[in-house]
Amino acid sequence: MSQSVARSKTNSKTNSSANHETIAGNSSPPLETIERAYDRIEAERDRNCWIYLRPREEALEECRKLVARARTGENLPLLGIPFGVKDNIDVEGMPTTAACPAFSYTPWQSAHSVERLTAAGAICLGKTNLDQFATGLSGVRSPYGPCASVADARYVAGGSSSGSAVAVAAGHVAFALGTDTGGSGRIPAGFNNIVGIKPTVGLVSSRGLVPNCPTIDCVSVFCNSVSDGEAILDIIEGFDFEDPYSRLPRAAFLASGAAPSFRFGRIASVDLECFGMPECGELYERACERFVQIGGTAIEVDFAPFRQAGELMFSGPWVAERRSAIASLMDIDSGSLLDVTRTVLGSAAGYSAIDTFGAIHQLHRLRRDTEAIFAGIDALVVPTAPRPFTLEEMHGDPITLNNRLGYYSYFANLLDLCGVAIPNATLPNGMPMGVTLLAPAWHDRALIGLARRFEVSASGAAFELKSGA
């Protein structure tokens, strides 16, 4: 596979343009691709999506060596493809900060997922911005500056993998790695009109990932097409004995191609929560109509057990697992942590071991309830996020609005689901709103097949909600 320019989009709000890169195709030579990527990055440093950028000549020299190896017949399926890595995932020789300068260290070994990508010929250009210690869904909780949506600089990009999503959506790289604990690999995809793949927890090794909630963390993929996401997943997935959280599939993956007819769960219209922006609900309804058009049968499901599981994420003792990951920094009163990070993680002290086991027992009951729901559907379709918020709104109420962003995403990893976030339509204000497909663990390929069909159904059509529609 080699680099190609798939499409370009003019951003009327920010008066800039972005060339969207895809893996498939056969276009520019690798060295030209790397040069073009650096030119774009340097022209748009104000996007705040990069924390560390590898020296240009260093990346070009690596590219020359890879090209030479390919000429000898070595198979390098991602030859010369530039990518970014969220700065809570280790890349050999590049600092890992997790958006906290006091935490910074330089690893001697890359994360398992990064190793697999570089072995396939991809070239990491640097480390991308994030909500500090991946604690947040907005993309504004970083000492390296906030990330705004590429569609409208007034609105948040979503987080915590904000920099990775923006780097892809702005055309800086063809794909980027993020992480996902409560929606970090999906919400930024939705607000930047790209694809986000959230694998089954344990499908991709988390070795080399700064722990957030280690029992439910996973590496995620941002890209410009579902096929690209599947191609990257093919490379990075696999059991890793050295990762205690890696898992072997309990059952074989379903075929990539979804059946001609399928059943999908949808939220009842009366139960849709858009937090004061009903036009977002209209776009969700349109997405459900499109799923019907491509062969789906819509089945209204009870969203209550999903919502209740989501409430356990940050309104429950799992915040203590986040707190334990950076316990030493929490005890330092040196300004190392942002106030909002310290506030969120400080709430962990309010939970006891009794609370934790009570929540675990509740979660098991909710898992059984959702298993019964999935027994009657092939996938659940939800809005990727309820609605967008401006940076100004998020700064004014950072905790409440952040938690609202996670309304449709918090529950996925707790309930052991996989997910694919895909573009859907555009609001009158110009902001994109995506939808997410969810299914039980190990159904990743089936979801990808459905997501691809939805993506193809949009070809040549503009799905935009007009003012007054």
Protein backbone atom coordinates (compact mmCIF):
# COMPACT_ATOMS: atom_id res chain seq x y z
CA MET A 1 0.00 0.00 0.00
CA SER A 2 1.21 3.51 -0.69
CA GLN A 3 0.19 7.05 -0.03
CA SER A 4 -2.50 8.88 -1.97
CA VAL A 5 -4.48 12.07 -1.61
CA ALA A 6 -8.11 11.05 -1.40
CA ARG A 7 -9.87 14.39 -1.18
CA SER A 8 -9.57 17.95 0.02
CA LYS A 9 -11.95 20.09 2.02
CA THR A 10 -12.06 23.83 2.43
CA ASN A 11 -12.81 25.03 5.93
CA SER A 12 -14.82 28.23 5.57
CA LYS A 13 -14.71 28.95 9.27
CA THR A 14 -10.93 28.95 9.57
CA ASN A 15 -10.07 29.82 5.97
CA SER A 16 -7.72 26.85 5.63
CA SER A 17 -7.74 23.66 3.61
CA ALA A 18 -6.71 20.12 4.42
CA ASN A 19 -5.75 17.31 2.11
CA HIS A 20 -7.06 14.06 3.51
CA GLU A 21 -4.58 11.23 3.16
CA THR A 22 -5.55 7.60 2.75
CA ILE A 23 -3.44 4.48 2.74
CA ALA A 24 -5.00 2.86 -0.30
CA GLY A 25 -4.04 4.05 -3.76
CA ASN A 26 -0.83 4.63 -5.66
CA SER A 27 0.32 8.22 -5.82
CA SER A 28 3.24 10.23 -4.47
CA PRO A 29 6.69 8.71 -3.86
CA PRO A 30 7.38 8.20 -0.13
CA LEU A 31 9.91 11.04 0.18
CA GLU A 32 7.49 13.51 -1.38
CA THR A 33 4.80 12.32 0.99
CA ILE A 34 6.99 12.97 4.04
CA GLU A 35 8.06 16.39 2.74
CA ARG A 36 4.45 17.36 2.10
CA ALA A 37 3.42 16.24 5.58
CA TYR A 38 6.06 18.42 7.24
CA ASP A 39 5.10 21.39 5.08
CA ARG A 40 1.50 21.12 6.25
CA ILE A 41 2.43 20.69 9.89
CA GLU A 42 4.75 23.69 9.89
CA ALA A 43 2.10 25.83 8.21
CA GLU A 44 -0.46 24.93 10.90
CA ARG A 45 1.39 24.83 14.21
CA ASP A 46 -1.41 26.95 15.69
CA ARG A 47 -3.66 23.87 15.66
CA ASN A 48 -1.76 22.69 18.78
CA CYS A 49 -2.07 19.08 17.68
CA TRP A 50 1.64 18.21 18.07
CA ILE A 51 3.60 18.10 21.32
CA TYR A 52 6.80 16.74 19.82
CA LEU A 53 7.71 16.80 16.14
CA ARG A 54 10.52 14.61 14.90
CA PRO A 55 13.22 16.50 12.92
CA ARG A 56 12.33 16.49 9.24
CA GLU A 57 15.70 15.22 8.02
CA GLU A 58 15.60 12.34 10.50
CA ALA A 59 12.26 11.18 9.11
CA LEU A 60 13.48 11.59 5.54
CA GLU A 61 16.58 9.54 6.25
CA GLU A 62 14.45 6.74 7.71
CA CYS A 63 12.28 6.93 4.61
CA ARG A 64 15.32 6.59 2.32
CA LYS A 65 16.43 3.48 4.20
CA LEU A 66 12.96 1.95 3.97
CA VAL A 67 12.80 2.62 0.23
CA ALA A 68 16.17 0.91 -0.18
CA ARG A 69 14.94 -2.11 1.75
CA ALA A 70 11.79 -2.28 -0.34
CA ARG A 71 13.91 -2.30 -3.52
CA THR A 72 15.57 -5.50 -2.31
CA GLY A 73 12.16 -7.17 -2.18
CA GLU A 74 11.29 -6.70 1.49
CA ASN A 75 7.54 -6.52 2.07
CA LEU A 76 6.68 -3.16 3.66
CA PRO A 77 2.92 -2.69 3.26
CA LEU A 78 2.96 0.80 4.85
CA LEU A 79 6.09 2.02 3.09
CA GLY A 80 6.54 5.75 3.70
CA ILE A 81 3.11 6.33 5.26
CA PRO A 82 3.38 9.10 7.88
CA PHE A 83 1.52 8.71 11.16
CA GLY A 84 1.22 10.34 14.56
CA VAL A 85 1.12 8.82 18.03
CA LYS A 86 -0.80 10.14 21.02
CA ASP A 87 1.67 11.29 23.65
CA ASN A 88 0.68 8.69 26.21
CA ILE A 89 2.01 5.92 23.92
CA ASP A 90 5.75 5.29 23.85
CA VAL A 91 7.87 5.85 20.75
CA GLU A 92 11.54 4.98 21.07
CA GLY A 93 13.70 8.09 21.38
CA MET A 94 10.78 10.52 21.59
CA PRO A 95 9.66 12.02 24.92
CA THR A 96 6.44 10.76 26.46
CA THR A 97 4.74 13.49 28.48
CA ALA A 98 1.05 12.51 28.70
CA ALA A 99 0.61 16.30 28.46
CA CYS A 100 2.38 16.80 31.79
CA PRO A 101 5.94 18.16 31.37
CA ALA A 102 6.94 17.07 34.89
CA PHE A 103 6.10 13.48 33.98
CA SER A 104 8.24 13.43 30.81
CA TYR A 105 10.58 10.54 30.08
CA THR A 106 12.24 9.18 26.93
CA PRO A 107 11.55 5.46 26.42
CA TRP A 108 14.17 3.09 25.04
CA GLN A 109 11.51 0.95 23.37
CA SER A 110 8.37 1.76 21.41
CA ALA A 111 4.93 0.51 22.36
CA HIS A 112 4.04 -2.84 20.82
CA SER A 113 1.55 -1.24 18.40
CA VAL A 114 4.12 1.32 17.24
CA GLU A 115 6.73 -1.40 16.71
CA ARG A 116 4.37 -3.27 14.42
CA LEU A 117 3.60 -0.18 12.37
CA THR A 118 7.22 0.83 11.91
CA ALA A 119 8.11 -2.76 11.01
CA ALA A 120 5.54 -2.45 8.22
CA GLY A 121 7.29 0.65 6.88
CA ALA A 122 5.18 3.44 8.40
CA ILE A 123 7.05 6.52 9.64
CA CYS A 124 6.14 8.16 12.94
CA LEU A 125 6.43 11.94 12.65
CA GLY A 126 5.90 12.72 16.32
CA LYS A 127 3.71 12.79 19.40
CA THR A 128 0.26 14.35 19.46
CA ASN A 129 -1.53 16.47 22.05
CA LEU A 130 -4.11 15.14 24.51
CA ASP A 131 -6.12 15.95 27.59
CA GLN A 132 -3.60 15.64 30.42
CA PHE A 133 -3.12 11.97 31.41
CA ALA A 134 -5.99 11.17 29.04
CA THR A 135 -8.38 12.53 31.67
CA GLY A 136 -11.00 14.31 29.62
CA LEU A 137 -13.07 14.16 26.46
CA SER A 138 -12.72 17.75 25.30
CA GLY A 139 -9.16 18.29 24.05
CA VAL A 140 -8.74 21.52 26.03
CA ARG A 141 -7.05 20.12 29.16
CA SER A 142 -3.44 20.44 28.05
CA PRO A 143 -0.56 22.77 28.97
CA TYR A 144 0.42 22.55 25.28
CA GLY A 145 -2.72 24.40 24.26
CA PRO A 146 -6.29 23.39 23.38
CA CYS A 147 -7.19 21.55 20.19
CA ALA A 148 -10.16 22.84 18.23
CA SER A 149 -12.20 21.02 15.62
CA VAL A 150 -10.84 21.36 12.08
CA ALA A 151 -14.41 22.24 11.01
CA ASP A 152 -14.71 25.29 13.27
CA ALA A 153 -12.00 26.66 15.54
CA ARG A 154 -14.64 27.85 18.01
CA TYR A 155 -15.55 24.26 18.94
CA VAL A 156 -13.65 21.61 20.88
CA ALA A 157 -11.99 18.83 18.93
CA GLY A 158 -13.03 16.24 21.48
CA GLY A 159 -10.57 14.25 23.53
CA SER A 160 -8.62 12.93 25.07
CA SER A 161 -7.01 11.91 21.75
CA SER A 162 -7.55 15.39 20.32
CA GLY A 163 -4.17 15.87 18.69
CA SER A 164 -4.28 12.54 16.87
CA ALA A 165 -7.72 13.24 15.41
CA VAL A 166 -6.86 16.80 14.37
CA ALA A 167 -3.57 15.69 12.78
CA VAL A 168 -5.48 13.23 10.60
CA ALA A 169 -8.39 15.54 9.81
CA ALA A 170 -6.04 18.41 8.92
CA GLY A 171 -4.12 16.19 6.51
CA HIS A 172 -0.87 16.21 8.47
CA VAL A 173 -0.69 12.40 8.53
CA ALA A 174 -2.55 9.50 6.95
CA PHE A 175 -3.48 7.95 10.30
CA ALA A 176 -2.73 8.28 13.99
CA LEU A 177 -2.86 6.17 17.11
CA GLY A 178 -4.95 7.27 20.05
CA THR A 179 -6.29 5.57 23.12
CA ASP A 180 -9.81 4.93 24.32
CA THR A 181 -11.00 4.36 27.86
CA GLY A 182 -14.30 6.21 27.88
CA GLY A 183 -14.64 7.57 24.36
CA SER A 184 -11.26 9.13 23.57
CA GLY A 185 -10.93 7.23 20.31
CA ARG A 186 -14.44 8.02 19.12
CA ILE A 187 -15.54 11.51 20.16
CA PRO A 188 -12.63 13.32 18.41
CA ALA A 189 -13.42 11.34 15.27
CA GLY A 190 -17.02 12.52 15.38
CA PHE A 191 -16.15 16.20 15.79
CA ASN A 192 -13.53 16.08 13.02
CA ASN A 193 -15.40 14.09 10.39
CA ILE A 194 -13.04 11.10 10.36
CA VAL A 195 -13.16 7.42 11.32
CA GLY A 196 -12.26 6.13 14.78
CA ILE A 197 -11.69 2.43 15.44
CA LYS A 198 -12.03 1.34 19.08
CA PRO A 199 -11.04 -2.32 19.20
CA THR A 200 -12.10 -4.90 21.72
CA VAL A 201 -10.08 -4.32 24.89
CA GLY A 202 -7.07 -6.65 24.74
CA LEU A 203 -7.17 -7.17 20.96
CA VAL A 204 -4.29 -4.68 20.54
CA SER A 205 -1.50 -4.80 23.09
CA SER A 206 -1.43 -1.92 25.56
CA ARG A 207 2.23 -2.49 26.36
CA GLY A 208 3.98 0.86 26.15
CA LEU A 209 0.84 2.82 27.00
CA VAL A 210 0.87 5.17 29.99
CA PRO A 211 -1.84 3.59 32.15
CA ASN A 212 -5.11 5.40 32.61
CA CYS A 213 -7.54 2.68 33.64
CA PRO A 214 -5.38 -0.34 32.75
CA THR A 215 -8.21 -2.84 32.95
CA ILE A 216 -10.22 -1.04 30.25
CA ASP A 217 -7.64 0.97 28.27
CA CYS A 218 -7.15 0.25 24.59
CA VAL A 219 -5.17 1.65 21.66
CA SER A 220 -7.40 3.24 19.00
CA VAL A 221 -6.94 4.24 15.34
CA PHE A 222 -7.90 7.49 13.58
CA CYS A 223 -8.03 7.52 9.79
CA ASN A 224 -9.97 8.82 6.80
CA SER A 225 -11.74 5.65 5.72
CA VAL A 226 -13.06 2.47 7.27
CA SER A 227 -10.84 0.40 4.97
CA ASP A 228 -7.76 2.25 6.21
CA GLY A 229 -8.80 1.55 9.79
CA GLU A 230 -9.14 -2.14 9.07
CA ALA A 231 -5.74 -2.20 7.35
CA ILE A 232 -4.07 -0.64 10.40
CA LEU A 233 -5.94 -2.96 12.78
CA ASP A 234 -4.72 -5.95 10.76
CA ILE A 235 -1.15 -4.87 11.53
CA ILE A 236 -1.37 -3.90 15.20
CA GLU A 237 -3.74 -6.56 16.55
CA GLY A 238 -2.53 -9.78 18.14
CA PHE A 239 -1.94 -11.43 21.49
CA ASP A 240 1.04 -10.12 23.45
CA PHE A 241 2.16 -12.37 26.31
CA GLU A 242 4.18 -9.52 27.84
CA ASP A 243 1.03 -7.43 28.25
CA PRO A 244 -1.01 -8.74 31.21
CA TYR A 245 -4.16 -7.17 29.74
CA SER A 246 -3.81 -8.75 26.30
CA ARG A 247 -6.49 -11.34 25.51
CA LEU A 248 -7.00 -14.19 23.09
CA PRO A 249 -10.39 -14.06 21.30
CA ARG A 250 -13.04 -16.23 22.90
CA ALA A 251 -14.55 -16.82 19.48
CA ALA A 252 -13.53 -16.41 15.87
CA PHE A 253 -14.08 -13.00 14.31
CA LEU A 254 -17.13 -12.69 12.14
CA ALA A 255 -16.57 -12.13 8.43
CA SER A 256 -15.65 -8.62 7.33
CA GLY A 257 -18.62 -8.35 5.01
CA ALA A 258 -21.90 -7.89 6.86
CA ALA A 259 -24.94 -9.88 5.78
CA PRO A 260 -27.27 -8.20 3.25
CA SER A 261 -29.85 -7.77 6.01
CA PHE A 262 -29.11 -7.01 9.63
CA ARG A 263 -30.76 -5.79 12.80
CA PHE A 264 -29.50 -2.70 14.55
CA GLY A 265 -30.47 -1.28 17.88
CA ARG A 266 -31.43 2.36 18.04
CA ILE A 267 -32.35 4.72 20.83
CA ALA A 268 -36.02 5.68 20.95
CA SER A 269 -36.61 9.26 19.85
CA VAL A 270 -38.08 10.18 23.22
CA ASP A 271 -34.94 8.91 24.95
CA LEU A 272 -32.41 10.83 22.82
CA GLU A 273 -30.34 13.21 24.95
CA CYS A 274 -28.84 16.15 23.06
CA PHE A 275 -28.45 18.56 25.99
CA GLY A 276 -30.33 21.44 24.43
CA MET A 277 -29.38 20.97 20.76
CA PRO A 278 -32.27 18.98 19.21
CA GLU A 279 -30.85 19.30 15.70
CA CYS A 280 -28.24 16.74 16.75
CA GLY A 281 -31.07 14.30 17.33
CA GLU A 282 -32.34 14.97 13.80
CA LEU A 283 -28.99 13.93 12.38
CA TYR A 284 -29.11 10.70 14.40
CA GLU A 285 -32.56 9.98 12.98
CA ARG A 286 -31.17 10.46 9.47
CA ALA A 287 -28.38 8.01 10.23
CA CYS A 288 -30.88 5.41 11.36
CA GLU A 289 -32.82 5.94 8.12
CA ARG A 290 -29.63 5.34 6.14
CA PHE A 291 -29.00 2.10 7.99
CA VAL A 292 -32.48 0.97 7.01
CA GLN A 293 -31.76 1.93 3.39
CA ILE A 294 -28.70 -0.32 3.30
CA GLY A 295 -30.58 -3.35 4.58
CA GLY A 296 -31.01 -2.80 8.29
CA THR A 297 -34.04 -3.35 10.47
CA ALA A 298 -34.25 -0.82 13.28
CA ILE A 299 -35.13 -2.12 16.74
CA GLU A 300 -35.66 0.29 19.61
CA VAL A 301 -33.69 -0.78 22.65
CA ASP A 302 -33.74 0.19 26.30
CA PHE A 303 -30.79 2.54 26.69
CA ALA A 304 -31.02 2.58 30.50
CA PRO A 305 -28.46 -0.18 31.24
CA PHE A 306 -25.93 1.45 28.90
CA ARG A 307 -26.48 4.84 30.52
CA GLN A 308 -26.19 3.36 34.01
CA ALA A 309 -22.93 1.62 33.10
CA GLY A 310 -21.59 4.89 31.73
CA GLU A 311 -22.34 6.65 35.00
CA LEU A 312 -19.92 4.28 36.72
CA MET A 313 -16.97 5.61 34.71
CA PHE A 314 -16.47 9.04 36.25
CA SER A 315 -19.23 9.04 38.83
CA GLY A 316 -17.93 5.81 40.28
CA PRO A 317 -14.78 4.18 41.66
CA TRP A 318 -13.05 3.67 38.29
CA VAL A 319 -11.69 7.18 38.74
CA ALA A 320 -9.57 5.63 41.53
CA GLU A 321 -7.87 3.42 38.97
CA ARG A 322 -6.92 6.59 37.08
CA ARG A 323 -5.72 8.17 40.31
CA SER A 324 -3.45 5.20 41.12
CA ALA A 325 -1.65 5.53 37.77
CA ILE A 326 -0.11 8.89 38.77
CA ALA A 327 -0.20 8.63 42.56
CA SER A 328 3.23 10.20 43.01
CA LEU A 329 2.32 13.33 41.05
CA MET A 330 -0.92 13.76 42.98
CA ASP A 331 1.13 14.14 46.14
CA ILE A 332 3.29 16.91 44.67
CA ASP A 333 1.93 20.43 45.16
CA SER A 334 4.06 21.91 42.42
CA GLY A 335 1.56 22.85 39.76
CA SER A 336 2.50 19.79 37.70
CA LEU A 337 -1.15 18.95 37.18
CA LEU A 338 -3.77 21.23 35.73
CA ASP A 339 -6.40 22.24 38.28
CA VAL A 340 -9.15 20.37 36.44
CA THR A 341 -7.04 17.19 36.29
CA ARG A 342 -6.30 17.40 39.99
CA THR A 343 -9.98 17.99 40.77
CA VAL A 344 -11.18 15.02 38.73
CA LEU A 345 -8.57 12.61 40.05
CA GLY A 346 -8.86 13.96 43.57
CA SER A 347 -12.44 12.71 43.71
CA ALA A 348 -11.02 9.17 43.89
CA ALA A 349 -10.43 9.64 47.62
CA GLY A 350 -14.18 9.54 48.16
CA TYR A 351 -14.49 5.87 47.17
CA SER A 352 -13.84 2.92 49.47
CA ALA A 353 -13.09 -0.71 48.68
CA ILE A 354 -16.71 -1.44 49.58
CA ASP A 355 -17.84 1.10 46.98
CA THR A 356 -15.57 -0.48 44.40
CA PHE A 357 -16.88 -4.00 44.86
CA GLY A 358 -20.43 -2.72 44.91
CA ALA A 359 -19.85 -1.03 41.55
CA ILE A 360 -18.23 -4.19 40.13
CA HIS A 361 -21.28 -6.20 41.15
CA GLN A 362 -23.59 -3.61 39.60
CA LEU A 363 -21.56 -3.66 36.40
CA HIS A 364 -21.89 -7.43 36.11
CA ARG A 365 -25.66 -7.14 36.37
CA LEU A 366 -25.67 -4.43 33.70
CA ARG A 367 -23.49 -6.57 31.45
CA ARG A 368 -26.06 -9.34 31.65
CA ASP A 369 -28.83 -6.88 30.77
CA THR A 370 -26.93 -5.62 27.72
CA GLU A 371 -26.05 -9.18 26.63
CA ALA A 372 -29.77 -9.84 26.43
CA ILE A 373 -30.20 -6.74 24.25
CA PHE A 374 -27.39 -7.75 21.89
CA ALA A 375 -28.90 -11.20 21.54
CA GLY A 376 -31.56 -9.57 19.39
CA ILE A 377 -29.41 -7.17 17.33
CA ASP A 378 -26.21 -7.23 15.30
CA ALA A 379 -25.06 -3.78 16.39
CA LEU A 380 -26.13 -0.78 18.45
CA VAL A 381 -26.09 2.62 16.74
CA VAL A 382 -25.62 5.69 18.96
CA PRO A 383 -24.60 9.30 18.39
CA THR A 384 -20.83 9.52 18.84
CA ALA A 385 -21.46 12.49 21.15
CA PRO A 386 -24.70 14.23 22.18
CA ARG A 387 -23.68 17.65 20.82
CA PRO A 388 -20.62 19.89 20.29
CA PHE A 389 -19.54 22.56 22.76
CA THR A 390 -17.46 25.65 22.13
CA LEU A 391 -14.08 26.10 23.77
CA GLU A 392 -15.54 29.02 25.69
CA GLU A 393 -18.39 26.89 27.02
CA MET A 394 -15.99 24.09 28.00
CA HIS A 395 -13.66 26.44 29.86
CA GLY A 396 -16.68 27.85 31.72
CA ASP A 397 -17.91 24.49 33.00
CA PRO A 398 -15.16 21.94 32.30
CA ILE A 399 -16.37 19.01 34.38
CA THR A 400 -20.13 19.05 33.69
CA LEU A 401 -19.80 19.57 29.95
CA ASN A 402 -16.97 17.07 29.65
CA ASN A 403 -19.13 14.40 31.26
CA ARG A 404 -21.98 15.26 28.89
CA LEU A 405 -19.71 14.54 25.94
CA GLY A 406 -19.31 10.99 27.23
CA TYR A 407 -23.02 10.23 27.50
CA TYR A 408 -22.95 7.81 24.54
CA SER A 409 -19.37 6.57 24.96
CA TYR A 410 -18.47 6.03 28.62
CA PHE A 411 -20.08 2.61 28.87
CA ALA A 412 -18.40 0.80 25.94
CA ASN A 413 -15.24 -0.54 27.54
CA LEU A 414 -16.91 -1.23 30.88
CA LEU A 415 -19.43 -3.42 29.04
CA ASP A 416 -16.68 -5.04 26.94
CA LEU A 417 -17.87 -3.69 23.60
CA CYS A 418 -15.97 -2.83 20.43
CA GLY A 419 -16.85 0.23 18.37
CA VAL A 420 -16.41 2.08 15.08
CA ALA A 421 -17.09 5.82 14.92
CA ILE A 422 -17.98 7.06 11.44
CA PRO A 423 -18.91 10.42 9.89
CA ASN A 424 -22.62 11.06 9.47
CA ALA A 425 -23.77 14.61 8.76
CA THR A 426 -23.21 18.31 9.43
CA LEU A 427 -25.05 20.73 11.69
CA PRO A 428 -26.16 24.18 10.49
CA ASN A 429 -23.20 25.66 12.37
CA GLY A 430 -20.82 23.59 10.23
CA MET A 431 -19.84 21.09 12.90
CA PRO A 432 -19.77 17.42 11.87
CA MET A 433 -21.66 14.89 13.96
CA GLY A 434 -20.81 11.21 13.72
CA VAL A 435 -22.47 8.01 14.80
CA THR A 436 -20.89 4.98 16.43
CA LEU A 437 -21.54 1.29 15.87
CA LEU A 438 -21.12 -0.91 18.95
CA ALA A 439 -21.14 -4.69 19.43
CA PRO A 440 -19.90 -7.25 21.97
CA ALA A 441 -16.21 -8.09 22.20
CA TRP A 442 -14.57 -9.78 19.20
CA HIS A 443 -17.18 -8.57 16.70
CA ASP A 444 -14.75 -5.95 15.40
CA ARG A 445 -14.74 -7.21 11.82
CA ALA A 446 -18.52 -7.40 11.62
CA LEU A 447 -18.78 -3.80 12.79
CA ILE A 448 -16.17 -2.72 10.26
CA GLY A 449 -18.20 -4.38 7.53
CA LEU A 450 -21.36 -2.49 8.53
CA ALA A 451 -19.43 0.77 8.90
CA ARG A 452 -17.99 0.36 5.42
CA ARG A 453 -21.47 -0.10 3.94
CA PHE A 454 -22.68 3.03 5.72
CA GLU A 455 -19.63 4.91 4.44
CA VAL A 456 -20.23 3.77 0.85
CA SER A 457 -23.89 4.83 1.08
CA ALA A 458 -22.71 8.42 1.58
CA SER A 459 -20.59 8.48 -1.58
CA GLY A 460 -21.62 11.29 -3.84
CA ALA A 461 -24.23 12.56 -1.39
CA ALA A 462 -24.07 15.57 0.89
CA PHE A 463 -25.68 15.00 4.26
CA GLU A 464 -26.10 18.42 5.76
CA LEU A 465 -28.83 19.66 8.05
CA LYS A 466 -29.89 23.04 6.69
CA SER A 467 -30.99 25.84 8.92
CA GLY A 468 -34.71 25.62 9.43
CA ALA A 469 -34.86 22.02 8.17
